[in-house]
Amino acid sequence: MKLHLAKNTKLLIAEDQVLAKSHMHYALEQLGFKNMDYVDRPSQALSALKEYDYDAIICSYNLRSEQGGYYLLEQLNDAHSLPLTSAFIFTSADTSAEVVHAIIELQPDEFIAKPFSVNELDRRLSRVLSRKKALKNVYAFMDKKDYEKALTEVEFFLLQPEHAEHFPLAMKIKGDLFLLTQRYQEAVAFFESIINVQDFNWAKMGIAKSLLALNELDDAEREIIQLATRPDSALEAFDLLATLQIKQAAFDDALECTSLACTMSPRNIPRYQQAVSLARITHDYETQFNSAKKAVRYAQGSIHDKPDIYLTAARAGVDFAMTSEPEHVNNIVKQTNEYLRQMKKAHPRAALNDELAVIDARLHYLKDDTARAQTLLSEFHTDHAQLHSTEALLDRAKALHEVGMKKESIAILDAISSREEDSPGEVNLMAAYLKQEKAEKEAISLSPKTLNNTAVAQYKRGNLEQSYSTFAQAFRVMPKNPSIALNYLQAIVRARKSNTPMPADTLSEIKKCRETLESATLSDEKQSRYDNVKSILKGE
């Protein structure tokens, strides 16, 4: 460590373990640091950062209170209150893949695994502080969002041979600035020139992002798939692949990629929220509920801990219960009520009477108490739509449709659809979902809960054409439900045997039913029925 660099650096240390703090203090003193402040909670760190300007923050990821170091950097990033001219360095004794991915996503300047030696700390701190000092003019312009001046400054920096050790980082910053200023064609050419010299992952990622922004989707996909095979770029590649698939309206594939990314790095709340949105569009109610539950779990005590995250879990629970087997409904409802209880405890002053009344109405409908559900919904008028969030109104539209008030449900969907407008070249997931919901609710009068029961009754009475049509509607809104898929497939087979006129898409529907059944774990009784259907289809 250069002595003048250490002496002129003001540090904030966030550490709550006595031995670790003692070791850190000893190591920093050995390296020549004199100006050091210590805190042991994120809230104390935030207060200190408001009062003083620090050149670097060294923070333990494993702080044992207030969501730890993760929460501190997450909050600083969200508030844009940590200038790029200041360094943020994580330390952690936990180097599991989950923690490493979580840290990488927050993009600190450095990550040091505990325990570390004085020499290791010296090497890492020297590298971070020297590059912050060398690039301070570039960072200052970026902090002001003056990206054009930052680009000019970084190009000037790259002309100075004395800064050669920082050229790789400066070139990465230059590429990032091309993306920030939407110079995508220039970005592609720049990143390709980098790769011709050295195969940096960040340059290949830059090409993929640029091609995606230019809607050159085939070329972007090739780049992204290559990146997905590399462990150090797989997480970001899955996110990019999901973005590409959303652009192509391949929502099932986008959900699969998003779910993989959630598994790799489970603390990213916006990614769970995207999974919820995609699962709704694909009618994957179980994944919708599971993603919403995980969002609540990791959001508690963080910047994301707001009433809406609990409401989303509760609403997803009701959606799942509406489409589940009867023997599972009580357990799902119990979980749903638990999220409502948690929300009331965490946010006792939240004014959510209307939202809770709708959820209560849907829960009463699940208990076959339609009259009570209708009473709870009766006081709302479409004129009040502007006073409620899109999610709240969407939930009300579902509730109204479930209790047989189809006209009122469609009116609400019409009222909120105009709020969600797609940007050119982009897919707004909420807009896509609203369009789908409206189409389904206009075409289908019965609730998901009632559809299958009605179809089974029709089938048993020998009303093949009616049962086939009702099963088709049920499968449209519950394509992941194996019982629905099996009943629908049996209805198709029986209708074909009786020469009942069949729609043109029957073969496609058979394929979808089989995909659902092949991916499900079936009871012995259902497996026997499915095996029988398969033998009939094979013999046709």
Protein backbone atom coordinates (compact mmCIF):
# COMPACT_ATOMS: atom_id res chain seq x y z
CA MET A 1 0.00 0.00 0.00
CA LYS A 2 1.37 3.42 -0.91
CA LEU A 3 1.61 5.32 2.33
CA HIS A 4 0.19 8.58 0.96
CA LEU A 5 -2.80 6.71 -0.46
CA ALA A 6 -3.57 5.13 2.91
CA LYS A 7 -3.10 8.37 4.86
CA ASN A 8 -5.42 10.33 2.56
CA THR A 9 -8.20 7.75 2.57
CA LYS A 10 -11.22 7.96 4.90
CA LEU A 11 -12.75 4.54 5.60
CA LEU A 12 -16.07 3.36 7.04
CA ILE A 13 -15.98 -0.18 8.44
CA ALA A 14 -19.27 -2.04 9.01
CA GLU A 15 -18.51 -5.10 11.12
CA ASP A 16 -20.31 -6.56 14.14
CA GLN A 17 -18.07 -9.48 15.12
CA VAL A 18 -15.53 -8.49 17.75
CA LEU A 19 -12.67 -10.68 16.52
CA ALA A 20 -13.24 -9.74 12.87
CA LYS A 21 -13.35 -6.04 13.79
CA SER A 22 -10.13 -6.39 15.79
CA HIS A 23 -8.38 -8.17 12.91
CA MET A 24 -9.60 -5.55 10.42
CA HIS A 25 -8.40 -2.70 12.65
CA TYR A 26 -4.98 -4.29 13.10
CA ALA A 27 -4.58 -4.96 9.36
CA LEU A 28 -5.60 -1.43 8.35
CA GLU A 29 -3.23 0.14 10.87
CA GLN A 30 -0.42 -2.02 9.54
CA LEU A 31 -1.16 -0.68 6.06
CA GLY A 32 -1.00 2.94 7.23
CA PHE A 33 -4.67 3.86 7.48
CA LYS A 34 -5.46 6.37 10.21
CA ASN A 35 -8.89 7.80 9.37
CA MET A 36 -11.35 5.01 10.13
CA ASP A 37 -14.92 4.96 11.51
CA TYR A 38 -16.62 1.80 12.75
CA VAL A 39 -20.32 0.82 12.82
CA ASP A 40 -22.03 -2.50 13.41
CA ARG A 41 -25.47 -1.95 11.84
CA PRO A 42 -26.62 -0.89 8.36
CA SER A 43 -28.73 1.94 9.86
CA GLN A 44 -25.63 3.34 11.58
CA ALA A 45 -23.70 3.10 8.31
CA LEU A 46 -26.43 5.03 6.49
CA SER A 47 -26.34 7.77 9.13
CA ALA A 48 -22.54 8.01 8.90
CA LEU A 49 -22.68 8.21 5.10
CA LYS A 50 -25.13 11.11 5.32
CA GLU A 51 -22.78 13.00 7.62
CA TYR A 52 -19.37 12.27 6.06
CA ASP A 53 -17.85 11.57 2.66
CA TYR A 54 -15.94 8.29 2.70
CA ASP A 55 -13.45 7.12 0.09
CA ALA A 56 -14.34 3.51 0.80
CA ILE A 57 -16.80 1.41 2.79
CA ILE A 58 -15.64 -2.03 3.94
CA CYS A 59 -18.75 -3.96 4.92
CA SER A 60 -19.31 -7.46 6.26
CA TYR A 61 -21.95 -9.27 4.23
CA ASN A 62 -22.67 -11.32 7.37
CA LEU A 63 -23.86 -8.51 9.63
CA ARG A 64 -26.35 -10.20 11.95
CA SER A 65 -29.01 -7.49 12.06
CA GLU A 66 -31.23 -5.51 9.68
CA GLN A 67 -30.75 -7.83 6.70
CA GLY A 68 -26.98 -7.52 6.93
CA GLY A 69 -24.58 -5.93 4.50
CA TYR A 70 -26.72 -6.94 1.54
CA TYR A 71 -29.45 -4.59 2.76
CA LEU A 72 -26.99 -1.72 3.16
CA LEU A 73 -25.68 -1.81 -0.40
CA GLU A 74 -29.15 -2.54 -1.78
CA GLN A 75 -30.48 0.58 -0.07
CA LEU A 76 -27.53 2.70 -1.21
CA ASN A 77 -28.02 1.52 -4.80
CA ASP A 78 -31.76 2.12 -4.67
CA ALA A 79 -31.32 5.66 -3.35
CA HIS A 80 -28.35 6.38 -5.67
CA SER A 81 -26.64 7.74 -2.58
CA LEU A 82 -23.24 6.09 -3.00
CA PRO A 83 -21.14 8.01 -5.55
CA LEU A 84 -19.07 6.04 -8.03
CA THR A 85 -16.05 7.90 -6.70
CA SER A 86 -16.46 5.95 -3.43
CA ALA A 87 -15.57 2.28 -3.22
CA PHE A 88 -17.75 -0.40 -1.62
CA ILE A 89 -16.01 -3.59 -0.54
CA PHE A 90 -17.76 -6.67 0.81
CA THR A 91 -16.14 -9.16 3.16
CA SER A 92 -17.73 -12.52 3.88
CA ALA A 93 -16.94 -15.83 5.54
CA ASP A 94 -19.69 -17.42 3.43
CA THR A 95 -18.51 -18.04 -0.12
CA SER A 96 -21.40 -20.26 -1.25
CA ALA A 97 -22.64 -19.83 -4.81
CA GLU A 98 -25.84 -18.22 -3.51
CA VAL A 99 -23.95 -15.53 -1.57
CA VAL A 100 -21.43 -14.91 -4.35
CA HIS A 101 -24.20 -14.45 -6.92
CA ALA A 102 -26.10 -12.11 -4.58
CA ILE A 103 -22.98 -10.02 -4.08
CA ILE A 104 -22.15 -9.93 -7.80
CA GLU A 105 -25.64 -8.67 -8.61
CA LEU A 106 -25.20 -5.72 -6.23
CA GLN A 107 -21.94 -4.87 -8.07
CA PRO A 108 -19.62 -3.86 -5.23
CA ASP A 109 -16.13 -2.76 -6.19
CA GLU A 110 -14.51 -5.73 -4.49
CA PHE A 111 -15.27 -8.91 -2.55
CA ILE A 112 -12.80 -10.31 -0.02
CA ALA A 113 -13.34 -13.75 1.52
CA LYS A 114 -12.74 -14.14 5.25
CA PRO A 115 -10.33 -14.90 6.76
CA PHE A 116 -7.84 -12.76 4.86
CA SER A 117 -4.23 -11.87 5.46
CA VAL A 118 -2.80 -8.37 5.74
CA ASN A 119 -1.11 -8.90 2.37
CA GLU A 120 -4.39 -9.93 0.75
CA LEU A 121 -6.17 -6.86 2.15
CA ASP A 122 -3.27 -4.70 0.99
CA ARG A 123 -3.47 -6.07 -2.55
CA ARG A 124 -7.23 -5.71 -2.86
CA LEU A 125 -7.51 -2.27 -1.24
CA SER A 126 -4.59 -0.88 -3.22
CA ARG A 127 -6.19 -2.02 -6.45
CA VAL A 128 -9.61 -0.55 -5.65
CA LEU A 129 -8.41 2.77 -4.26
CA SER A 130 -5.86 3.38 -7.01
CA ARG A 131 -8.43 2.84 -9.78
CA LYS A 132 -10.99 5.03 -8.02
CA LYS A 133 -8.39 7.78 -7.81
CA ALA A 134 -7.22 7.35 -11.41
CA LEU A 135 -10.77 7.36 -12.85
CA LYS A 136 -12.29 9.93 -10.48
CA ASN A 137 -13.02 12.44 -13.29
CA VAL A 138 -14.86 9.80 -15.32
CA TYR A 139 -16.83 8.67 -12.27
CA ALA A 140 -17.68 12.27 -11.34
CA PHE A 141 -19.34 12.85 -14.74
CA MET A 142 -21.15 9.50 -14.51
CA ASP A 143 -22.48 10.43 -11.06
CA LYS A 144 -23.96 13.55 -12.66
CA LYS A 145 -25.36 11.36 -15.49
CA ASP A 146 -23.38 13.47 -17.95
CA TYR A 147 -22.47 10.44 -20.01
CA GLU A 148 -21.22 12.36 -23.04
CA LYS A 149 -18.57 14.14 -20.97
CA ALA A 150 -17.77 10.88 -19.19
CA LEU A 151 -17.20 9.25 -22.59
CA THR A 152 -14.89 12.08 -23.64
CA GLU A 153 -13.01 11.80 -20.36
CA VAL A 154 -12.54 8.03 -20.60
CA GLU A 155 -11.28 8.31 -24.17
CA PHE A 156 -8.74 10.91 -22.97
CA PHE A 157 -7.79 8.56 -20.11
CA LEU A 158 -7.09 5.74 -22.59
CA LEU A 159 -4.57 7.95 -24.40
CA GLN A 160 -2.35 8.22 -21.31
CA PRO A 161 0.20 5.35 -21.07
CA GLU A 162 0.80 5.92 -17.35
CA HIS A 163 -2.71 4.56 -16.70
CA ALA A 164 -2.11 1.32 -18.59
CA GLU A 165 -2.87 -0.90 -15.59
CA HIS A 166 -6.41 0.52 -15.52
CA PHE A 167 -7.08 0.27 -19.26
CA PRO A 168 -9.18 -2.93 -19.08
CA LEU A 169 -11.57 -1.28 -16.60
CA ALA A 170 -11.58 1.98 -18.57
CA MET A 171 -12.50 0.08 -21.74
CA LYS A 172 -15.33 -1.68 -19.93
CA ILE A 173 -16.60 1.71 -18.72
CA LYS A 174 -16.40 3.02 -22.29
CA GLY A 175 -18.54 0.10 -23.47
CA ASP A 176 -21.04 0.71 -20.66
CA LEU A 177 -21.25 4.36 -21.69
CA PHE A 178 -22.02 3.37 -25.28
CA LEU A 179 -24.93 1.31 -23.92
CA LEU A 180 -26.10 4.09 -21.59
CA THR A 181 -26.13 6.56 -24.50
CA GLN A 182 -27.89 3.98 -26.74
CA ARG A 183 -25.10 3.96 -29.31
CA TYR A 184 -25.68 0.31 -29.98
CA GLN A 185 -24.06 0.04 -33.42
CA GLU A 186 -20.92 1.73 -32.11
CA ALA A 187 -21.08 -0.51 -29.06
CA VAL A 188 -21.10 -3.69 -31.17
CA ALA A 189 -18.07 -2.51 -33.17
CA PHE A 190 -16.24 -1.50 -29.97
CA PHE A 191 -16.94 -4.75 -28.11
CA GLU A 192 -15.91 -6.80 -31.15
CA SER A 193 -12.62 -4.92 -31.32
CA ILE A 194 -12.02 -5.83 -27.67
CA ILE A 195 -12.76 -9.51 -28.25
CA ASN A 196 -10.33 -9.58 -31.17
CA VAL A 197 -7.62 -8.80 -28.61
CA GLN A 198 -8.93 -10.70 -25.55
CA ASP A 199 -12.05 -12.77 -24.94
CA PHE A 200 -13.55 -10.74 -22.06
CA ASN A 201 -16.96 -11.91 -20.85
CA TRP A 202 -18.06 -8.30 -20.33
CA ALA A 203 -17.37 -7.54 -24.00
CA LYS A 204 -19.37 -10.56 -25.18
CA MET A 205 -22.17 -9.52 -22.82
CA GLY A 206 -22.01 -6.01 -24.29
CA ILE A 207 -22.47 -7.42 -27.79
CA ALA A 208 -25.47 -9.48 -26.65
CA LYS A 209 -27.10 -6.45 -24.97
CA SER A 210 -26.50 -4.26 -28.03
CA LEU A 211 -27.93 -6.82 -30.45
CA LEU A 212 -30.93 -7.27 -28.17
CA ALA A 213 -31.53 -3.52 -28.12
CA LEU A 214 -31.23 -3.45 -31.92
CA ASN A 215 -33.81 -6.28 -32.13
CA GLU A 216 -31.31 -8.49 -33.94
CA LEU A 217 -32.72 -11.36 -31.94
CA ASP A 218 -31.22 -14.38 -33.71
CA ASP A 219 -27.68 -13.01 -33.41
CA ALA A 220 -28.36 -11.93 -29.82
CA GLU A 221 -29.61 -15.40 -28.93
CA ARG A 222 -26.44 -17.05 -30.25
CA GLU A 223 -24.28 -14.75 -28.13
CA ILE A 224 -26.42 -15.21 -25.01
CA ILE A 225 -26.48 -19.01 -25.23
CA GLN A 226 -22.68 -19.05 -25.38
CA LEU A 227 -22.54 -16.85 -22.28
CA ALA A 228 -25.02 -19.11 -20.47
CA THR A 229 -22.50 -21.97 -20.69
CA ARG A 230 -19.89 -19.97 -18.76
CA PRO A 231 -20.26 -20.14 -14.96
CA ASP A 232 -19.21 -16.52 -14.40
CA SER A 233 -21.74 -15.14 -16.89
CA ALA A 234 -24.60 -17.68 -16.69
CA LEU A 235 -26.78 -15.67 -14.30
CA GLU A 236 -26.80 -12.50 -16.39
CA ALA A 237 -27.17 -14.59 -19.54
CA PHE A 238 -30.36 -16.23 -18.23
CA ASP A 239 -31.78 -12.77 -17.50
CA LEU A 240 -30.93 -11.61 -21.02
CA LEU A 241 -32.37 -14.77 -22.53
CA ALA A 242 -35.61 -14.18 -20.61
CA THR A 243 -35.73 -10.62 -21.96
CA LEU A 244 -35.25 -11.92 -25.49
CA GLN A 245 -37.96 -14.54 -25.05
CA ILE A 246 -40.37 -11.95 -23.68
CA LYS A 247 -39.76 -9.88 -26.82
CA GLN A 248 -40.72 -12.98 -28.82
CA ALA A 249 -43.79 -13.60 -26.59
CA ALA A 250 -42.26 -17.01 -25.70
CA PHE A 251 -43.50 -16.64 -22.14
CA ASP A 252 -43.09 -20.28 -21.06
CA ASP A 253 -39.43 -20.22 -22.07
CA ALA A 254 -38.95 -16.82 -20.40
CA LEU A 255 -40.42 -18.21 -17.17
CA GLU A 256 -38.06 -21.18 -17.25
CA CYS A 257 -35.01 -18.89 -17.65
CA THR A 258 -36.24 -16.51 -14.95
CA SER A 259 -36.85 -19.40 -12.56
CA LEU A 260 -33.34 -20.74 -13.20
CA ALA A 261 -31.90 -17.31 -12.42
CA CYS A 262 -34.01 -17.12 -9.23
CA THR A 263 -32.56 -20.44 -8.11
CA MET A 264 -29.00 -19.28 -8.79
CA SER A 265 -29.42 -15.98 -6.94
CA PRO A 266 -32.43 -16.15 -4.62
CA ARG A 267 -32.29 -12.66 -3.07
CA ASN A 268 -33.25 -10.69 -6.18
CA ILE A 269 -36.84 -9.53 -5.54
CA PRO A 270 -37.52 -7.90 -8.96
CA ARG A 271 -36.66 -11.21 -10.61
CA TYR A 272 -39.28 -13.01 -8.49
CA GLN A 273 -41.77 -10.32 -9.47
CA GLN A 274 -41.01 -11.00 -13.13
CA ALA A 275 -41.50 -14.72 -12.48
CA VAL A 276 -44.92 -13.96 -10.95
CA SER A 277 -45.91 -11.93 -14.02
CA LEU A 278 -44.74 -14.62 -16.44
CA ALA A 279 -46.38 -17.41 -14.44
CA ARG A 280 -49.72 -15.58 -14.59
CA ILE A 281 -49.52 -15.26 -18.36
CA THR A 282 -48.65 -18.95 -18.73
CA HIS A 283 -51.33 -20.03 -16.21
CA ASP A 284 -48.65 -21.65 -14.04
CA TYR A 285 -50.43 -20.94 -10.76
CA GLU A 286 -48.13 -23.07 -8.61
CA THR A 287 -44.99 -21.26 -9.84
CA GLN A 288 -46.81 -17.95 -9.43
CA PHE A 289 -47.55 -18.72 -5.78
CA ASN A 290 -44.10 -20.14 -5.05
CA SER A 291 -42.37 -17.13 -6.60
CA ALA A 292 -44.57 -14.72 -4.66
CA LYS A 293 -43.85 -16.60 -1.42
CA LYS A 294 -40.09 -16.41 -1.98
CA ALA A 295 -40.35 -12.71 -2.73
CA VAL A 296 -41.96 -12.19 0.69
CA ARG A 297 -39.35 -14.35 2.39
CA TYR A 298 -36.37 -12.43 1.03
CA ALA A 299 -38.04 -9.01 1.12
CA GLN A 300 -38.77 -8.99 4.84
CA GLY A 301 -36.87 -6.17 6.51
CA SER A 302 -35.47 -4.91 3.20
CA ILE A 303 -36.33 -1.97 0.94
CA HIS A 304 -38.88 -4.25 -0.75
CA ASP A 305 -40.83 -4.94 2.46
CA LYS A 306 -44.07 -3.20 1.47
CA PRO A 307 -47.74 -4.19 1.71
CA ASP A 308 -47.98 -4.97 -1.99
CA ILE A 309 -45.51 -7.85 -1.75
CA TYR A 310 -47.73 -9.61 0.82
CA LEU A 311 -50.87 -8.83 -1.20
CA THR A 312 -49.23 -10.36 -4.28
CA ALA A 313 -48.55 -13.56 -2.34
CA ALA A 314 -52.11 -13.67 -1.01
CA ARG A 315 -53.63 -13.07 -4.45
CA ALA A 316 -51.37 -15.72 -5.97
CA GLY A 317 -52.51 -18.11 -3.25
CA VAL A 318 -56.16 -17.52 -4.14
CA ASP A 319 -55.42 -17.98 -7.86
CA PHE A 320 -53.66 -21.26 -7.07
CA ALA A 321 -56.46 -22.45 -4.79
CA MET A 322 -59.06 -21.68 -7.49
CA THR A 323 -57.30 -24.06 -9.88
CA SER A 324 -56.07 -26.79 -7.52
CA GLU A 325 -57.36 -30.21 -6.60
CA PRO A 326 -59.99 -30.02 -3.79
CA GLU A 327 -57.74 -31.85 -1.32
CA HIS A 328 -55.08 -29.13 -1.60
CA VAL A 329 -57.31 -26.07 -1.31
CA ASN A 330 -57.47 -25.83 2.49
CA ASN A 331 -53.68 -25.87 2.85
CA ILE A 332 -53.25 -23.16 0.18
CA VAL A 333 -55.94 -21.00 1.81
CA LYS A 334 -54.19 -21.40 5.16
CA GLN A 335 -50.94 -20.13 3.64
CA THR A 336 -52.80 -17.25 1.99
CA ASN A 337 -54.28 -16.14 5.30
CA GLU A 338 -50.84 -16.33 6.90
CA TYR A 339 -49.48 -13.79 4.39
CA LEU A 340 -52.37 -11.47 5.18
CA ARG A 341 -51.60 -11.85 8.88
CA GLN A 342 -47.93 -11.08 8.28
CA MET A 343 -48.82 -8.00 6.24
CA LYS A 344 -51.07 -6.61 8.98
CA LYS A 345 -48.33 -7.17 11.54
CA ALA A 346 -45.55 -5.63 9.41
CA HIS A 347 -47.66 -2.71 8.10
CA PRO A 348 -50.45 -2.08 10.64
CA ARG A 349 -51.20 1.43 9.33
CA ALA A 350 -51.62 0.50 5.67
CA ALA A 351 -55.03 1.59 4.35
CA LEU A 352 -55.99 -1.52 2.42
CA ASN A 353 -59.62 -2.16 3.29
CA ASP A 354 -60.78 -2.39 -0.34
CA GLU A 355 -57.96 -4.75 -1.34
CA LEU A 356 -58.55 -7.00 1.67
CA ALA A 357 -62.31 -7.05 1.04
CA VAL A 358 -61.70 -8.40 -2.47
CA ILE A 359 -59.37 -11.14 -1.22
CA ASP A 360 -61.92 -11.97 1.49
CA ALA A 361 -64.64 -12.20 -1.16
CA ARG A 362 -62.57 -14.62 -3.23
CA LEU A 363 -61.88 -16.74 -0.15
CA HIS A 364 -65.62 -16.87 0.60
CA TYR A 365 -66.25 -17.95 -2.97
CA LEU A 366 -63.76 -20.79 -2.48
CA LYS A 367 -65.94 -21.90 0.47
CA ASP A 368 -69.00 -21.86 -1.82
CA ASP A 369 -70.36 -18.79 -0.02
CA THR A 370 -71.12 -16.85 -3.19
CA ALA A 371 -73.72 -14.62 -1.54
CA ARG A 372 -71.22 -13.29 0.98
CA ALA A 373 -68.65 -12.79 -1.78
CA GLN A 374 -71.14 -10.76 -3.82
CA THR A 375 -71.99 -8.60 -0.80
CA LEU A 376 -68.33 -7.77 -0.21
CA LEU A 377 -67.94 -6.76 -3.86
CA SER A 378 -71.21 -4.85 -4.29
CA GLU A 379 -70.15 -1.38 -3.11
CA PHE A 380 -67.44 -0.80 -5.69
CA HIS A 381 -68.09 1.28 -8.82
CA THR A 382 -65.98 1.46 -11.97
CA ASP A 383 -65.85 5.26 -11.54
CA HIS A 384 -63.53 4.69 -8.57
CA ALA A 385 -60.97 2.87 -10.71
CA GLN A 386 -58.50 5.76 -10.76
CA LEU A 387 -58.18 5.54 -6.96
CA HIS A 388 -56.82 1.98 -7.00
CA SER A 389 -53.71 0.28 -8.33
CA THR A 390 -53.86 -1.84 -11.46
CA GLU A 391 -53.20 -4.97 -9.37
CA ALA A 392 -56.05 -4.14 -6.98
CA LEU A 393 -58.48 -3.60 -9.83
CA LEU A 394 -57.34 -6.73 -11.62
CA ASP A 395 -58.02 -8.76 -8.50
CA ARG A 396 -61.48 -7.22 -8.24
CA ALA A 397 -62.18 -8.07 -11.89
CA LYS A 398 -61.28 -11.70 -11.18
CA ALA A 399 -63.52 -11.76 -8.10
CA LEU A 400 -66.48 -10.29 -9.99
CA HIS A 401 -66.12 -12.83 -12.77
CA GLU A 402 -65.93 -15.68 -10.27
CA VAL A 403 -69.24 -14.74 -8.66
CA GLY A 404 -70.98 -14.44 -12.04
CA MET A 405 -70.75 -10.66 -12.55
CA LYS A 406 -69.10 -10.94 -15.96
CA LYS A 407 -70.23 -7.57 -17.31
CA GLU A 408 -68.84 -5.70 -14.31
CA SER A 409 -65.60 -7.67 -14.53
CA ILE A 410 -65.07 -6.75 -18.19
CA ALA A 411 -65.85 -3.11 -17.43
CA ILE A 412 -63.00 -2.97 -14.91
CA LEU A 413 -60.59 -4.66 -17.30
CA ASP A 414 -61.52 -2.08 -19.94
CA ALA A 415 -60.97 0.72 -17.42
CA ILE A 416 -57.45 -0.36 -16.51
CA SER A 417 -56.19 -1.60 -19.90
CA SER A 418 -55.56 1.96 -21.07
CA ARG A 419 -53.08 2.42 -18.21
CA GLU A 420 -50.68 -0.14 -19.61
CA GLU A 421 -49.18 0.85 -22.93
CA ASP A 422 -46.37 -0.98 -24.69
CA SER A 423 -43.26 0.89 -25.66
CA PRO A 424 -42.18 0.37 -29.29
CA GLY A 425 -40.29 -2.89 -29.58
CA GLU A 426 -41.00 -3.88 -25.97
CA VAL A 427 -43.51 -6.23 -24.35
CA ASN A 428 -45.32 -4.90 -21.28
CA LEU A 429 -46.11 -8.02 -19.25
CA MET A 430 -49.03 -6.40 -17.46
CA ALA A 431 -50.53 -5.19 -20.76
CA ALA A 432 -50.15 -8.68 -22.22
CA TYR A 433 -51.78 -10.23 -19.15
CA LEU A 434 -54.69 -7.79 -19.16
CA LYS A 435 -55.33 -8.49 -22.85
CA GLN A 436 -55.30 -12.23 -22.16
CA GLU A 437 -57.54 -11.93 -19.09
CA LYS A 438 -60.10 -9.87 -20.99
CA ALA A 439 -60.18 -12.33 -23.91
CA GLU A 440 -60.61 -15.30 -21.57
CA LYS A 441 -63.27 -13.68 -19.43
CA GLU A 442 -65.26 -12.59 -22.48
CA ALA A 443 -65.11 -16.13 -23.90
CA ILE A 444 -65.60 -18.07 -20.67
CA SER A 445 -68.44 -17.35 -18.24
CA LEU A 446 -67.63 -19.93 -15.58
CA SER A 447 -64.89 -19.59 -12.97
CA PRO A 448 -61.93 -22.01 -13.03
CA LYS A 449 -63.33 -23.63 -9.90
CA THR A 450 -66.63 -24.43 -11.63
CA LEU A 451 -65.39 -25.34 -15.12
CA ASN A 452 -64.00 -28.78 -14.41
CA ASN A 453 -66.94 -29.87 -12.21
CA THR A 454 -69.40 -28.80 -14.91
CA ALA A 455 -67.45 -30.59 -17.64
CA VAL A 456 -67.24 -33.82 -15.61
CA ALA A 457 -71.00 -33.75 -14.99
CA GLN A 458 -71.65 -33.21 -18.69
CA TYR A 459 -69.27 -36.03 -19.60
CA LYS A 460 -70.97 -38.47 -17.20
CA ARG A 461 -74.38 -37.58 -18.64
CA GLY A 462 -73.08 -38.40 -22.12
CA ASN A 463 -73.21 -34.80 -23.38
CA LEU A 464 -69.95 -35.26 -25.30
CA GLU A 465 -70.01 -32.08 -27.35
CA GLN A 466 -70.83 -29.94 -24.31
CA SER A 467 -68.27 -31.64 -22.07
CA TYR A 468 -65.59 -31.37 -24.74
CA SER A 469 -66.22 -27.64 -25.07
CA THR A 470 -66.21 -27.09 -21.30
CA PHE A 471 -63.04 -29.15 -20.81
CA ALA A 472 -61.41 -27.10 -23.58
CA GLN A 473 -62.27 -23.90 -21.68
CA ALA A 474 -60.97 -25.39 -18.43
CA PHE A 475 -57.71 -26.42 -20.07
CA ARG A 476 -57.34 -22.97 -21.60
CA VAL A 477 -57.16 -21.37 -18.15
CA MET A 478 -55.57 -24.33 -16.31
CA PRO A 479 -53.13 -25.91 -18.79
CA LYS A 480 -50.73 -27.06 -16.04
CA ASN A 481 -53.41 -28.98 -14.10
CA PRO A 482 -52.94 -32.73 -14.77
CA SER A 483 -56.51 -33.63 -13.79
CA ILE A 484 -57.89 -31.13 -16.28
CA ALA A 485 -55.46 -32.32 -18.96
CA LEU A 486 -56.43 -35.97 -18.40
CA ASN A 487 -60.17 -35.27 -18.41
CA TYR A 488 -59.83 -33.13 -21.53
CA LEU A 489 -57.77 -35.81 -23.28
CA GLN A 490 -60.36 -38.48 -22.43
CA ALA A 491 -63.13 -36.22 -23.72
CA ILE A 492 -61.22 -35.72 -26.99
CA VAL A 493 -60.70 -39.48 -27.43
CA ARG A 494 -64.34 -40.25 -26.68
CA ALA A 495 -65.58 -37.47 -28.99
CA ARG A 496 -63.39 -38.73 -31.82
CA LYS A 497 -64.71 -42.27 -31.35
CA SER A 498 -68.28 -41.03 -31.64
CA ASN A 499 -67.40 -38.98 -34.75
CA THR A 500 -68.25 -35.71 -32.98
CA PRO A 501 -67.03 -32.77 -35.14
CA MET A 502 -63.62 -31.66 -33.86
CA PRO A 503 -61.89 -28.25 -34.11
CA ALA A 504 -58.86 -27.83 -36.37
CA ASP A 505 -56.48 -27.45 -33.43
CA THR A 506 -57.36 -30.82 -31.84
CA LEU A 507 -53.94 -32.39 -32.53
CA SER A 508 -52.24 -29.38 -30.97
CA GLU A 509 -54.47 -29.69 -27.91
CA ILE A 510 -53.66 -33.40 -27.58
CA LYS A 511 -49.95 -32.54 -27.65
CA LYS A 512 -50.36 -29.89 -24.93
CA CYS A 513 -52.36 -32.27 -22.72
CA ARG A 514 -49.70 -34.93 -23.06
CA GLU A 515 -46.92 -32.44 -22.24
CA THR A 516 -48.72 -31.54 -19.00
CA LEU A 517 -49.30 -35.18 -18.08
CA GLU A 518 -45.77 -36.32 -18.94
CA SER A 519 -44.28 -33.66 -16.66
CA ALA A 520 -46.64 -34.40 -13.73
CA THR A 521 -46.49 -36.98 -10.95
CA LEU A 522 -49.74 -38.93 -11.33
CA SER A 523 -51.54 -41.14 -8.85
CA ASP A 524 -51.84 -44.83 -9.74
CA GLU A 525 -55.46 -44.30 -10.77
CA LYS A 526 -54.64 -41.33 -13.02
CA GLN A 527 -51.60 -43.10 -14.49
CA SER A 528 -53.78 -46.09 -15.39
CA ARG A 529 -56.30 -43.82 -17.10
CA TYR A 530 -53.54 -41.99 -18.96
CA ASP A 531 -51.92 -45.27 -20.09
CA ASN A 532 -55.29 -46.35 -21.47
CA VAL A 533 -55.69 -43.08 -23.38
CA LYS A 534 -52.16 -43.39 -24.79
CA SER A 535 -52.86 -46.90 -26.06
CA ILE A 536 -56.02 -45.65 -27.80
CA LEU A 537 -54.16 -42.73 -29.39
CA LYS A 538 -51.37 -45.07 -30.51
CA GLY A 539 -53.88 -47.40 -32.16
CA GLU A 540 -55.63 -44.65 -34.10
